[in-house]
Amino acid sequence: MGVGVERERWVRKEAWVGSLSLLGCWGENKVWIFGWRKKWVGRMMEKERDNEAAANEKEMELELTPKRAETVFEGDGGGYYAWSSPMLSKFNLGGGRLHLKPWGFALPHYGDVSKVGYVIQGNNGVAGIVLPNTKKEVVVKLKQGDIIPVPIGSVSWWFNNGDSDVIIAYLGETSKAIFPGQITYFFLSGFGGILGGFSSDLTSKSYNLNKDETKILTTSQTGAVIIKLEKEKAHDMPHPHVDLTKKLVHNIDASKPDYSVNKGGSVTTVTSKEFPFIGEVGLSVIIVKLEPNAIKTPSHSISPVAQLIYIARGGGKIEIVGLNGQSVLDTQVEAGQLLLVPQFFVAAQIAGDQGMETYSIVTTENPLFEELAGKASVWGAMSPIIQEVALNVDSEFQKLFISKIEETTNLIPSDI
């Protein structure tokens, strides 16, 4: 808030107080006027606060600027980065990015949200997951293009078994989270882990250990969040289960796109129909891959859910139109940024010279989108006279408009 605005409100407040004081000096027979004036001032001040809150809320609703993740942890084994904003809290969505260096190991933990991880980089990732109430560890292999759902409450660990970095972006739904808009983790061991939080006496009795054994259990691991394993430990790590990997992990490159256009790109949606295990987290994934300077034409969600978009590769521009036909975002984006599209807002993606790939989630198992351009456009479904009246054009232009729509798709190559 600007200093000038704050001073102006202070001056107005002092003026009101001064007028009250003058009214009060009129004597006891005028006290009723003072009381009325005091109530009026109170109502005016309350109204101003409400107007200010409404203005702030309106401003927040339009704050769709793409964000970069903030550093949560960095160490020899890698780092973890997360996004935080009022918009994410408002729409109960959250995201984080795990960066594992060679032999980097994310200690066992569980989280307070259901999420989906997308492997942005690396082909030698390994993850171990103990699904709720199963009491059985499942070890899966991860490579670039893989999608791995992680149901809320699952205990998991993540390991890079190769000689190049592994990067995984997680997007999730946070309505049940401790802090809406954020993903919170509880680590079982290490500095800040659960084991070190209880009294030695309780830990000793819970695990049937003597005093020395309890100390070893609770203090031996001095690392936190992500550590780097020694060579011999790295070689002893569990091997992935091939059959279970096929059940719990889905590679986007092995999926048939919803539609694709030569020199334009492709759009692939992954739901529980194609990948049953993703139904465990109640989310769907949409991957848009655009060739250099190609366009994904405007569309909007029919389902009453917001869309959380992560720029996975390349860059370009995102345009969003919201209430009253107003542009609420028209900006350049680049790899590593995260943005949100509110429900029913219309969004388009334009790739830059290097192309662009976006990874997004919607909080429904059956996402439905309405296209506003191309052969599948809703305009093509309307009667000619409705098109003429709605656009205020003559029949000649209406026919030209529809013929142009029928010649294109919702993915436009750069050479058109």
Protein backbone atom coordinates (compact mmCIF):
# COMPACT_ATOMS: atom_id res chain seq x y z
CA MET A 1 0.00 0.00 0.00
CA GLY A 2 1.39 3.39 -0.95
CA VAL A 3 2.45 5.90 1.70
CA GLY A 4 0.24 8.58 0.14
CA VAL A 5 -2.87 6.38 0.33
CA GLU A 6 -2.12 5.40 3.92
CA ARG A 7 -1.58 9.06 4.90
CA GLU A 8 -4.81 10.09 3.15
CA ARG A 9 -6.78 7.51 5.12
CA TRP A 10 -5.09 8.60 8.35
CA VAL A 11 -6.02 12.25 7.63
CA ARG A 12 -9.63 11.30 6.90
CA LYS A 13 -9.77 9.25 10.08
CA GLU A 14 -8.36 12.16 12.12
CA ALA A 15 -10.89 14.51 10.53
CA TRP A 16 -13.73 12.21 11.59
CA VAL A 17 -12.38 12.02 15.10
CA GLY A 18 -12.07 15.80 15.18
CA SER A 19 -15.69 16.26 14.11
CA LEU A 20 -16.75 13.87 16.85
CA SER A 21 -14.87 15.94 19.39
CA LEU A 22 -16.57 19.13 18.26
CA LEU A 23 -19.98 17.48 18.48
CA GLY A 24 -19.17 16.27 21.94
CA CYS A 25 -18.49 19.79 23.22
CA TRP A 26 -22.06 20.91 22.55
CA GLY A 27 -23.19 19.65 25.91
CA GLU A 28 -25.34 16.90 27.31
CA ASN A 29 -28.44 17.92 25.32
CA LYS A 30 -26.56 17.14 22.11
CA VAL A 31 -25.06 13.78 23.12
CA TRP A 32 -27.52 11.94 20.88
CA ILE A 33 -26.01 13.69 17.86
CA PHE A 34 -22.56 12.57 18.92
CA GLY A 35 -23.78 8.98 19.24
CA TRP A 36 -25.39 9.02 15.80
CA ARG A 37 -22.29 10.55 14.24
CA LYS A 38 -20.07 7.94 15.91
CA LYS A 39 -22.17 5.10 14.50
CA TRP A 40 -22.12 6.69 11.04
CA VAL A 41 -18.35 7.04 11.11
CA GLY A 42 -18.04 3.43 12.24
CA ARG A 43 -20.16 2.28 9.33
CA MET A 44 -18.16 4.41 6.89
CA MET A 45 -14.86 3.01 8.15
CA GLU A 46 -16.24 -0.53 7.97
CA LYS A 47 -17.47 0.09 4.41
CA GLU A 48 -14.05 1.39 3.40
CA ARG A 49 -12.39 -1.72 4.83
CA ASP A 50 -14.83 -3.92 2.91
CA ASN A 51 -14.15 -2.02 -0.31
CA GLU A 52 -10.42 -2.35 0.22
CA ALA A 53 -10.75 -6.09 0.88
CA ALA A 54 -12.90 -6.49 -2.24
CA ALA A 55 -10.34 -4.58 -4.31
CA ASN A 56 -7.51 -6.71 -2.96
CA GLU A 57 -9.48 -9.88 -3.64
CA LYS A 58 -10.24 -8.77 -7.19
CA GLU A 59 -6.57 -7.96 -7.76
CA MET A 60 -5.54 -11.36 -6.38
CA GLU A 61 -8.02 -13.13 -8.65
CA LEU A 62 -6.26 -11.66 -11.66
CA GLU A 63 -2.72 -12.39 -10.47
CA LEU A 64 -1.91 -15.13 -12.96
CA THR A 65 1.71 -14.20 -13.65
CA PRO A 66 3.88 -17.32 -14.19
CA LYS A 67 6.06 -18.10 -11.17
CA ARG A 68 9.40 -19.76 -10.62
CA ALA A 69 9.87 -22.23 -7.80
CA GLU A 70 11.63 -21.17 -4.62
CA THR A 71 14.45 -23.20 -3.10
CA VAL A 72 13.33 -25.39 -0.20
CA PHE A 73 16.45 -27.53 0.14
CA GLU A 74 19.78 -27.98 -1.65
CA GLY A 75 22.58 -30.41 -0.82
CA ASP A 76 25.18 -32.75 -2.31
CA GLY A 77 22.48 -35.17 -3.43
CA GLY A 78 20.26 -32.61 -5.11
CA GLY A 79 17.52 -30.13 -4.30
CA TYR A 80 13.80 -29.61 -3.84
CA TYR A 81 11.97 -26.50 -5.03
CA ALA A 82 8.35 -25.43 -4.51
CA TRP A 83 5.81 -22.83 -5.58
CA SER A 84 3.73 -20.72 -3.23
CA SER A 85 1.15 -18.03 -4.06
CA PRO A 86 -2.31 -16.80 -3.00
CA MET A 87 -3.72 -18.09 -6.29
CA LEU A 88 -2.53 -21.64 -5.60
CA SER A 89 -4.10 -21.47 -2.13
CA LYS A 90 -7.35 -20.11 -3.53
CA PHE A 91 -7.68 -22.93 -6.07
CA ASN A 92 -6.22 -25.69 -3.84
CA LEU A 93 -3.39 -26.59 -6.19
CA GLY A 94 0.31 -26.98 -5.51
CA GLY A 95 3.58 -27.96 -7.13
CA GLY A 96 7.17 -28.90 -6.44
CA ARG A 97 10.26 -30.01 -8.38
CA LEU A 98 12.76 -32.67 -7.31
CA HIS A 99 16.30 -32.47 -8.71
CA LEU A 100 18.41 -35.55 -8.01
CA LYS A 101 22.11 -35.54 -8.81
CA PRO A 102 23.86 -38.87 -9.57
CA TRP A 103 23.38 -41.20 -6.58
CA GLY A 104 21.12 -38.64 -4.97
CA PHE A 105 18.58 -40.18 -2.60
CA ALA A 106 15.42 -38.51 -1.26
CA LEU A 107 14.85 -39.98 2.22
CA PRO A 108 11.59 -41.89 2.90
CA HIS A 109 8.65 -39.56 3.50
CA TYR A 110 4.93 -39.09 3.06
CA GLY A 111 2.98 -36.03 1.98
CA ASP A 112 -0.35 -34.38 2.68
CA VAL A 113 -1.61 -34.29 -0.93
CA SER A 114 -2.31 -36.59 -3.84
CA LYS A 115 -0.01 -35.67 -6.71
CA VAL A 116 1.37 -36.74 -10.07
CA GLY A 117 5.07 -36.68 -10.91
CA TYR A 118 6.30 -36.11 -14.46
CA VAL A 119 9.90 -37.02 -15.29
CA ILE A 120 11.30 -34.00 -17.12
CA GLN A 121 14.87 -35.27 -17.43
CA GLY A 122 16.86 -38.46 -16.83
CA ASN A 123 16.48 -42.15 -17.61
CA ASN A 124 17.85 -43.81 -14.49
CA GLY A 125 15.40 -42.81 -11.81
CA VAL A 126 14.18 -45.32 -9.23
CA ALA A 127 11.30 -44.86 -6.78
CA GLY A 128 10.10 -47.00 -3.93
CA ILE A 129 6.49 -46.62 -2.81
CA VAL A 130 4.55 -48.16 0.06
CA LEU A 131 0.91 -47.50 -0.76
CA PRO A 132 -1.45 -46.85 2.19
CA ASN A 133 -2.38 -49.97 4.16
CA THR A 134 -0.43 -52.32 1.88
CA LYS A 135 2.68 -52.87 4.05
CA LYS A 136 4.57 -53.72 0.86
CA GLU A 137 7.26 -51.77 -0.93
CA VAL A 138 6.97 -51.47 -4.70
CA VAL A 139 10.10 -50.37 -6.60
CA VAL A 140 9.65 -48.83 -10.06
CA LYS A 141 11.98 -47.51 -12.77
CA LEU A 142 11.58 -43.94 -14.02
CA LYS A 143 12.68 -42.36 -17.30
CA GLN A 144 12.01 -39.16 -19.19
CA GLY A 145 8.35 -38.85 -20.17
CA ASP A 146 7.08 -41.07 -17.33
CA ILE A 147 4.04 -40.13 -15.26
CA ILE A 148 3.85 -41.53 -11.73
CA PRO A 149 0.85 -40.88 -9.45
CA VAL A 150 1.50 -40.72 -5.69
CA PRO A 151 -1.68 -41.13 -3.58
CA ILE A 152 -1.95 -39.10 -0.38
CA GLY A 153 -0.29 -40.80 2.58
CA SER A 154 1.98 -43.05 0.49
CA VAL A 155 5.49 -43.46 1.89
CA SER A 156 8.06 -43.06 -0.88
CA TRP A 157 11.76 -42.64 -1.58
CA TRP A 158 13.44 -41.48 -4.80
CA PHE A 159 16.88 -42.34 -6.15
CA ASN A 160 19.06 -41.43 -9.14
CA ASN A 161 20.94 -44.55 -10.21
CA GLY A 162 22.64 -42.94 -13.20
CA ASP A 163 25.44 -40.55 -14.04
CA SER A 164 23.22 -37.64 -15.19
CA ASP A 165 20.64 -35.60 -13.30
CA VAL A 166 17.02 -36.68 -12.82
CA ILE A 167 14.35 -33.96 -12.61
CA ILE A 168 10.73 -34.68 -11.64
CA ALA A 169 7.94 -32.08 -11.48
CA TYR A 170 5.05 -32.80 -9.10
CA LEU A 171 1.62 -31.21 -9.37
CA GLY A 172 -1.17 -31.95 -6.90
CA GLU A 173 -4.51 -31.05 -5.35
CA THR A 174 -4.21 -29.44 -1.90
CA SER A 175 -7.75 -29.13 -0.51
CA LYS A 176 -6.85 -31.57 2.29
CA ALA A 177 -3.35 -30.18 2.83
CA ILE A 178 -2.19 -28.56 6.05
CA PHE A 179 -1.46 -25.42 4.07
CA PRO A 180 -3.67 -25.06 0.97
CA GLY A 181 -1.57 -24.33 -2.09
CA GLN A 182 1.47 -26.14 -0.72
CA ILE A 183 2.74 -29.72 -0.50
CA THR A 184 4.08 -30.60 2.96
CA TYR A 185 6.32 -33.61 3.57
CA PHE A 186 6.97 -35.64 6.70
CA PHE A 187 10.33 -37.42 6.67
CA LEU A 188 10.70 -40.65 8.63
CA SER A 189 14.42 -40.23 9.31
CA GLY A 190 17.30 -37.79 9.10
CA PHE A 191 17.62 -34.29 10.50
CA GLY A 192 14.10 -33.04 11.09
CA GLY A 193 12.70 -36.55 10.75
CA ILE A 194 9.90 -38.02 12.82
CA LEU A 195 12.13 -40.52 14.64
CA GLY A 196 14.09 -37.74 16.31
CA GLY A 197 10.99 -35.92 17.53
CA PHE A 198 9.82 -38.35 20.18
CA SER A 199 11.33 -38.85 23.61
CA SER A 200 14.07 -41.49 23.88
CA ASP A 201 11.97 -43.43 26.38
CA LEU A 202 8.98 -43.65 24.03
CA THR A 203 11.17 -44.60 21.05
CA SER A 204 12.98 -47.23 23.11
CA LYS A 205 9.75 -48.92 24.18
CA SER A 206 8.06 -48.56 20.80
CA TYR A 207 10.91 -50.33 18.97
CA ASN A 208 12.01 -52.61 21.81
CA LEU A 209 15.51 -51.10 21.92
CA ASN A 210 17.90 -50.37 24.76
CA LYS A 211 19.31 -46.90 25.35
CA ASP A 212 22.37 -47.29 23.12
CA GLU A 213 20.38 -48.87 20.32
CA THR A 214 17.84 -46.05 20.51
CA LYS A 215 20.60 -43.48 20.15
CA ILE A 216 21.93 -45.24 17.06
CA LEU A 217 18.44 -45.35 15.54
CA THR A 218 17.65 -41.69 16.10
CA THR A 219 21.00 -39.95 15.58
CA SER A 220 22.98 -41.93 12.99
CA GLN A 221 21.41 -40.24 9.96
CA THR A 222 22.55 -36.62 10.16
CA GLY A 223 21.56 -35.78 6.58
CA ALA A 224 18.24 -34.21 5.68
CA VAL A 225 15.72 -34.47 2.84
CA ILE A 226 18.17 -35.49 0.06
CA ILE A 227 21.54 -37.17 0.60
CA LYS A 228 24.21 -38.58 -1.70
CA LEU A 229 24.90 -42.29 -1.32
CA GLU A 230 28.34 -43.82 -1.23
CA LYS A 231 29.24 -46.09 -4.16
CA GLU A 232 28.73 -49.38 -2.31
CA LYS A 233 25.34 -48.32 -0.95
CA ALA A 234 24.24 -47.08 -4.36
CA HIS A 235 25.05 -50.44 -5.94
CA ASP A 236 23.04 -52.26 -3.26
CA MET A 237 19.81 -50.31 -3.88
CA PRO A 238 16.70 -52.36 -4.77
CA HIS A 239 16.12 -53.18 -8.42
CA PRO A 240 12.85 -52.06 -10.07
CA HIS A 241 10.00 -54.49 -10.57
CA VAL A 242 9.34 -54.52 -14.32
CA ASP A 243 5.73 -55.75 -14.14
CA LEU A 244 4.75 -53.34 -11.37
CA THR A 245 6.44 -50.46 -13.18
CA LYS A 246 4.04 -51.01 -16.07
CA LYS A 247 1.12 -50.86 -13.64
CA LEU A 248 2.16 -47.80 -11.63
CA VAL A 249 4.06 -45.77 -14.24
CA HIS A 250 2.84 -44.51 -17.63
CA ASN A 251 5.09 -43.10 -20.33
CA ILE A 252 3.54 -40.22 -22.23
CA ASP A 253 5.56 -40.98 -25.38
CA ALA A 254 3.96 -44.43 -25.52
CA SER A 255 0.46 -42.93 -25.47
CA LYS A 256 -1.58 -42.21 -28.55
CA PRO A 257 -2.15 -38.43 -28.76
CA ASP A 258 -5.68 -37.06 -28.69
CA TYR A 259 -4.66 -35.31 -31.89
CA SER A 260 -1.44 -34.35 -33.65
CA VAL A 261 -0.53 -32.17 -36.61
CA ASN A 262 2.58 -32.35 -38.76
CA LYS A 263 4.89 -29.44 -37.84
CA GLY A 264 2.26 -28.35 -35.31
CA GLY A 265 2.61 -30.70 -32.38
CA SER A 266 0.39 -32.94 -30.28
CA VAL A 267 -1.98 -32.95 -27.31
CA THR A 268 -2.16 -36.04 -25.10
CA THR A 269 -4.57 -36.49 -22.20
CA VAL A 270 -3.97 -39.22 -19.63
CA THR A 271 -6.98 -40.28 -17.56
CA SER A 272 -7.95 -43.36 -15.57
CA LYS A 273 -9.33 -44.82 -18.80
CA GLU A 274 -5.84 -45.03 -20.35
CA PHE A 275 -3.97 -45.41 -17.07
CA PRO A 276 -6.13 -46.90 -14.27
CA PHE A 277 -3.67 -46.14 -11.44
CA ILE A 278 -4.00 -42.37 -11.97
CA GLY A 279 -7.57 -42.74 -10.74
CA GLU A 280 -6.11 -43.29 -7.25
CA VAL A 281 -5.20 -39.60 -7.09
CA GLY A 282 -8.34 -38.23 -8.77
CA LEU A 283 -6.36 -36.22 -11.33
CA SER A 284 -5.83 -36.15 -15.08
CA VAL A 285 -2.73 -35.07 -16.98
CA ILE A 286 -2.50 -33.08 -20.22
CA ILE A 287 0.74 -32.84 -22.19
CA VAL A 288 0.94 -30.29 -25.00
CA LYS A 289 3.98 -30.49 -27.28
CA LEU A 290 4.33 -27.65 -29.78
CA GLU A 291 6.82 -27.43 -32.63
CA PRO A 292 8.73 -24.13 -33.03
CA ASN A 293 6.32 -21.17 -33.45
CA ALA A 294 3.25 -23.45 -33.55
CA ILE A 295 0.01 -22.50 -31.81
CA LYS A 296 -2.46 -24.34 -29.57
CA THR A 297 -5.62 -22.37 -30.28
CA PRO A 298 -7.93 -21.02 -27.52
CA SER A 299 -9.92 -23.49 -25.45
CA HIS A 300 -11.52 -23.64 -22.03
CA SER A 301 -12.45 -26.28 -19.49
CA ILE A 302 -16.08 -27.34 -19.45
CA SER A 303 -15.51 -29.04 -16.11
CA PRO A 304 -15.63 -26.56 -13.19
CA VAL A 305 -11.94 -27.04 -12.35
CA ALA A 306 -8.80 -24.96 -12.69
CA GLN A 307 -5.80 -26.11 -14.73
CA LEU A 308 -2.25 -25.97 -13.32
CA ILE A 309 0.39 -25.69 -16.07
CA TYR A 310 4.13 -26.31 -15.79
CA ILE A 311 6.42 -25.24 -18.63
CA ALA A 312 8.49 -28.40 -19.05
CA ARG A 313 10.65 -27.49 -22.03
CA GLY A 314 11.30 -24.60 -24.38
CA GLY A 315 9.23 -21.47 -24.08
CA GLY A 316 6.84 -19.13 -25.82
CA LYS A 317 3.77 -17.18 -24.87
CA ILE A 318 0.56 -17.86 -22.95
CA GLU A 319 -2.59 -15.78 -23.43
CA ILE A 320 -5.62 -16.04 -21.12
CA VAL A 321 -8.97 -14.26 -21.44
CA GLY A 322 -11.29 -14.12 -18.45
CA LEU A 323 -14.37 -12.26 -17.24
CA ASN A 324 -16.05 -9.73 -19.56
CA GLY A 325 -13.73 -10.69 -22.40
CA GLN A 326 -10.76 -9.08 -20.68
CA SER A 327 -7.20 -10.27 -21.28
CA VAL A 328 -5.84 -11.33 -17.90
CA LEU A 329 -2.52 -12.71 -19.13
CA ASP A 330 -0.43 -12.12 -22.24
CA THR A 331 3.16 -12.95 -21.40
CA GLN A 332 6.29 -14.82 -22.35
CA VAL A 333 6.98 -18.06 -20.49
CA GLU A 334 10.01 -20.32 -20.19
CA ALA A 335 10.93 -23.74 -18.85
CA GLY A 336 10.57 -24.05 -15.08
CA GLN A 337 7.66 -21.63 -14.67
CA LEU A 338 4.23 -22.51 -13.28
CA LEU A 339 0.90 -20.82 -13.97
CA LEU A 340 -2.76 -21.35 -13.28
CA VAL A 341 -5.81 -21.05 -15.54
CA PRO A 342 -9.03 -20.51 -13.50
CA GLN A 343 -12.08 -22.57 -14.40
CA PHE A 344 -13.87 -21.46 -17.58
CA PHE A 345 -11.13 -18.95 -18.50
CA VAL A 346 -9.92 -19.34 -22.10
CA ALA A 347 -6.23 -20.06 -22.74
CA ALA A 348 -3.97 -20.36 -25.78
CA GLN A 349 -0.32 -21.39 -26.12
CA ILE A 350 2.16 -20.05 -28.68
CA ALA A 351 5.55 -21.75 -28.95
CA GLY A 352 8.79 -19.85 -29.40
CA ASP A 353 11.69 -20.62 -31.72
CA GLN A 354 12.70 -23.67 -29.64
CA GLY A 355 9.20 -25.13 -29.39
CA MET A 356 7.36 -25.60 -26.11
CA GLU A 357 6.14 -28.48 -23.96
CA THR A 358 3.65 -27.99 -21.12
CA TYR A 359 2.62 -30.47 -18.44
CA SER A 360 -0.64 -29.76 -16.65
CA ILE A 361 -3.16 -31.33 -14.31
CA VAL A 362 -6.88 -30.86 -13.78
CA THR A 363 -8.65 -32.09 -10.66
CA THR A 364 -11.06 -34.43 -12.36
CA GLU A 365 -10.84 -37.93 -13.80
CA ASN A 366 -12.85 -36.91 -16.87
CA PRO A 367 -11.58 -33.56 -18.18
CA LEU A 368 -13.65 -31.89 -20.89
CA PHE A 369 -12.47 -28.93 -22.95
CA GLU A 370 -14.33 -26.79 -25.48
CA GLU A 371 -12.36 -25.63 -28.50
CA LEU A 372 -13.02 -22.14 -29.86
CA ALA A 373 -11.10 -22.54 -33.14
CA GLY A 374 -10.43 -25.21 -35.74
CA LYS A 375 -12.64 -27.99 -37.05
CA ALA A 376 -13.82 -28.89 -33.56
CA SER A 377 -14.76 -25.29 -32.71
CA VAL A 378 -18.13 -24.66 -31.09
CA TRP A 379 -18.71 -22.00 -33.75
CA GLY A 380 -19.07 -24.73 -36.33
CA ALA A 381 -21.94 -26.28 -34.40
CA MET A 382 -24.11 -23.16 -34.50
CA SER A 383 -26.69 -22.33 -37.13
CA PRO A 384 -25.55 -19.89 -39.85
CA ILE A 385 -28.13 -17.29 -38.83
CA ILE A 386 -26.97 -17.49 -35.20
CA GLN A 387 -23.40 -16.88 -36.35
CA GLU A 388 -24.49 -13.88 -38.42
CA VAL A 389 -26.49 -12.31 -35.59
CA ALA A 390 -23.91 -13.05 -32.87
CA LEU A 391 -21.04 -11.61 -34.93
CA ASN A 392 -23.16 -8.93 -36.67
CA VAL A 393 -21.87 -9.95 -40.10
CA ASP A 394 -23.54 -10.70 -43.41
CA SER A 395 -24.03 -14.18 -44.82
CA GLU A 396 -21.05 -13.83 -47.16
CA PHE A 397 -18.62 -13.27 -44.27
CA GLN A 398 -20.33 -16.00 -42.23
CA LYS A 399 -19.64 -18.52 -44.99
CA LEU A 400 -16.04 -17.32 -45.30
CA PHE A 401 -15.55 -17.61 -41.52
CA ILE A 402 -16.86 -21.18 -41.36
CA SER A 403 -14.89 -22.27 -44.42
CA LYS A 404 -11.69 -20.96 -42.82
CA ILE A 405 -12.46 -22.81 -39.56
CA GLU A 406 -13.04 -26.08 -41.41
CA GLU A 407 -9.62 -25.78 -43.05
CA THR A 408 -7.71 -25.67 -39.76
CA THR A 409 -7.30 -27.63 -36.55
CA ASN A 410 -6.66 -26.48 -32.98
CA LEU A 411 -2.93 -27.00 -33.56
CA ILE A 412 -1.56 -24.52 -36.08
CA PRO A 413 1.88 -25.11 -37.66
CA SER A 414 4.22 -22.16 -38.02
CA ASP A 415 4.03 -22.20 -41.83
CA ILE A 416 0.31 -21.33 -41.93
